[in-house]
Amino acid sequence: MKIRISHEEITLEEVTQLYPAAIIRYADGTVTPISLEWFDEMANDDVKLLHYAICVHFKTELEKDPLYIPYASMNALQEGMAEVAEQLN
């Protein structure tokens, strides 16, 4: 089965993880996705929100890097996740 997220077409059989996240930069410059719950509860001045994203990890991670589809706001991310859910039903 294939789904479309933003401008990306993704084959679900190749996916191991698909989740929403906050993409942050720590004070030391490290950029990483974190759970929305962690960001809401634990973020402080040492953490800067870069954007939100739907993160897709693939079975062949050694050959194919994870895909991070960015969204400018939480509302836009929620709309993107709703579109994914509609495709899965």
C-alpha atoms as a PDB file:
ATOM      1  CA  MET A   1       0.000   0.000   0.000  1.00  0.00           C
ATOM      2  CA  LYS A   2       1.231   3.495  -0.825  1.00  0.00           C
ATOM      3  CA  ILE A   3       0.343   6.710   0.948  1.00  0.00           C
ATOM      4  CA  ARG A   4       1.183  10.320   0.208  1.00  0.00           C
ATOM      5  CA  ILE A   5       2.509  12.649   2.878  1.00  0.00           C
ATOM      6  CA  SER A   6       2.908  16.166   1.591  1.00  0.00           C
ATOM      7  CA  HIS A   7       4.812  15.686  -1.680  1.00  0.00           C
ATOM      8  CA  GLU A   8       6.292  12.268  -0.746  1.00  0.00           C
ATOM      9  CA  GLU A   9       4.896   8.906  -1.845  1.00  0.00           C
ATOM     10  CA  ILE A  10       5.673   6.202   0.708  1.00  0.00           C
ATOM     11  CA  THR A  11       5.300   2.438   0.404  1.00  0.00           C
ATOM     12  CA  LEU A  12       4.070   1.252   3.800  1.00  0.00           C
ATOM     13  CA  GLU A  13       5.648  -2.182   3.440  1.00  0.00           C
ATOM     14  CA  GLU A  14       9.056  -0.444   3.590  1.00  0.00           C
ATOM     15  CA  VAL A  15       8.243   1.510   6.769  1.00  0.00           C
ATOM     16  CA  THR A  16       9.157   0.478  10.320  1.00  0.00           C
ATOM     17  CA  GLN A  17       8.052   3.664  12.102  1.00  0.00           C
ATOM     18  CA  LEU A  18       5.830   6.619  11.234  1.00  0.00           C
ATOM     19  CA  TYR A  19       5.221   9.218  13.937  1.00  0.00           C
ATOM     20  CA  PRO A  20       4.770  12.943  14.623  1.00  0.00           C
ATOM     21  CA  ALA A  21       7.626  14.774  16.323  1.00  0.00           C
ATOM     22  CA  ALA A  22       9.093  18.123  17.223  1.00  0.00           C
ATOM     23  CA  ILE A  23      12.436  18.755  15.527  1.00  0.00           C
ATOM     24  CA  ILE A  24      14.617  20.617  17.999  1.00  0.00           C
ATOM     25  CA  ARG A  25      18.108  22.026  18.354  1.00  0.00           C
ATOM     26  CA  TYR A  26      19.854  21.661  21.705  1.00  0.00           C
ATOM     27  CA  ALA A  27      22.129  24.450  22.970  1.00  0.00           C
ATOM     28  CA  ASP A  28      25.170  22.403  21.834  1.00  0.00           C
ATOM     29  CA  GLY A  29      23.854  22.450  18.231  1.00  0.00           C
ATOM     30  CA  THR A  30      22.554  18.865  18.101  1.00  0.00           C
ATOM     31  CA  VAL A  31      19.396  18.586  15.957  1.00  0.00           C
ATOM     32  CA  THR A  32      17.033  15.699  16.659  1.00  0.00           C
ATOM     33  CA  PRO A  33      13.379  14.666  16.559  1.00  0.00           C
ATOM     34  CA  ILE A  34      11.689  14.262  19.933  1.00  0.00           C
ATOM     35  CA  SER A  35       8.212  13.216  20.955  1.00  0.00           C
ATOM     36  CA  LEU A  36       5.570  15.912  21.111  1.00  0.00           C
ATOM     37  CA  GLU A  37       4.885  14.936  24.716  1.00  0.00           C
ATOM     38  CA  TRP A  38       8.545  15.412  25.686  1.00  0.00           C
ATOM     39  CA  PHE A  39       8.648  18.791  23.975  1.00  0.00           C
ATOM     40  CA  ASP A  40       5.436  19.971  25.666  1.00  0.00           C
ATOM     41  CA  GLU A  41       6.520  18.833  29.126  1.00  0.00           C
ATOM     42  CA  MET A  42      10.302  19.130  29.191  1.00  0.00           C
ATOM     43  CA  ALA A  43      11.454  21.795  26.729  1.00  0.00           C
ATOM     44  CA  ASN A  44      13.373  24.687  28.255  1.00  0.00           C
ATOM     45  CA  ASP A  45      15.677  27.510  27.192  1.00  0.00           C
ATOM     46  CA  ASP A  46      18.332  24.971  26.101  1.00  0.00           C
ATOM     47  CA  VAL A  47      15.978  23.636  23.417  1.00  0.00           C
ATOM     48  CA  LYS A  48      14.844  25.522  20.309  1.00  0.00           C
ATOM     49  CA  LEU A  49      11.932  24.272  18.224  1.00  0.00           C
ATOM     50  CA  LEU A  50      12.916  24.247  14.555  1.00  0.00           C
ATOM     51  CA  HIS A  51       9.643  22.807  13.232  1.00  0.00           C
ATOM     52  CA  TYR A  52       7.258  19.904  13.584  1.00  0.00           C
ATOM     53  CA  ALA A  53       7.502  16.838  11.349  1.00  0.00           C
ATOM     54  CA  ILE A  54       6.086  13.488  10.386  1.00  0.00           C
ATOM     55  CA  CYS A  55       9.029  11.111  10.717  1.00  0.00           C
ATOM     56  CA  VAL A  56       9.297   7.975   8.603  1.00  0.00           C
ATOM     57  CA  HIS A  57      11.890   5.253   9.276  1.00  0.00           C
ATOM     58  CA  PHE A  58      12.499   2.517   6.753  1.00  0.00           C
ATOM     59  CA  LYS A  59      13.406  -1.174   7.039  1.00  0.00           C
ATOM     60  CA  THR A  60      16.532  -0.490   4.997  1.00  0.00           C
ATOM     61  CA  GLU A  61      17.903   2.292   7.248  1.00  0.00           C
ATOM     62  CA  LEU A  62      21.467   1.450   6.250  1.00  0.00           C
ATOM     63  CA  GLU A  63      20.556   2.254   2.648  1.00  0.00           C
ATOM     64  CA  LYS A  64      17.759   4.792   3.093  1.00  0.00           C
ATOM     65  CA  ASP A  65      17.906   7.634   5.614  1.00  0.00           C
ATOM     66  CA  PRO A  66      14.823   8.456   7.670  1.00  0.00           C
ATOM     67  CA  LEU A  67      12.468  10.933   6.070  1.00  0.00           C
ATOM     68  CA  TYR A  68      11.402  14.026   8.013  1.00  0.00           C
ATOM     69  CA  ILE A  69       8.476  15.867   6.433  1.00  0.00           C
ATOM     70  CA  PRO A  70       8.390  19.345   7.993  1.00  0.00           C
ATOM     71  CA  TYR A  71       5.362  21.348   9.124  1.00  0.00           C
ATOM     72  CA  ALA A  72       5.538  24.966  10.276  1.00  0.00           C
ATOM     73  CA  SER A  73       2.954  24.658  13.050  1.00  0.00           C
ATOM     74  CA  MET A  74       1.241  22.143  15.288  1.00  0.00           C
ATOM     75  CA  ASN A  75      -2.040  22.758  13.426  1.00  0.00           C
ATOM     76  CA  ALA A  76      -0.388  21.962  10.093  1.00  0.00           C
ATOM     77  CA  LEU A  77       1.143  18.800  11.579  1.00  0.00           C
ATOM     78  CA  GLN A  78      -2.247  17.705  12.917  1.00  0.00           C
ATOM     79  CA  GLU A  79      -3.775  18.247   9.468  1.00  0.00           C
ATOM     80  CA  GLY A  80      -0.984  16.181   7.917  1.00  0.00           C
ATOM     81  CA  MET A  81      -1.533  13.351  10.404  1.00  0.00           C
ATOM     82  CA  ALA A  82      -5.299  13.467   9.701  1.00  0.00           C
ATOM     83  CA  GLU A  83      -4.559  13.079   5.982  1.00  0.00           C
ATOM     84  CA  VAL A  84      -2.374  10.047   6.746  1.00  0.00           C
ATOM     85  CA  ALA A  85      -5.147   8.534   8.886  1.00  0.00           C
ATOM     86  CA  GLU A  86      -7.698   9.022   6.099  1.00  0.00           C
ATOM     87  CA  GLN A  87      -5.471   7.131   3.680  1.00  0.00           C
ATOM     88  CA  LEU A  88      -5.083   4.246   6.118  1.00  0.00           C
ATOM     89  CA  ASN A  89      -8.847   3.782   6.611  1.00  0.00           C
END
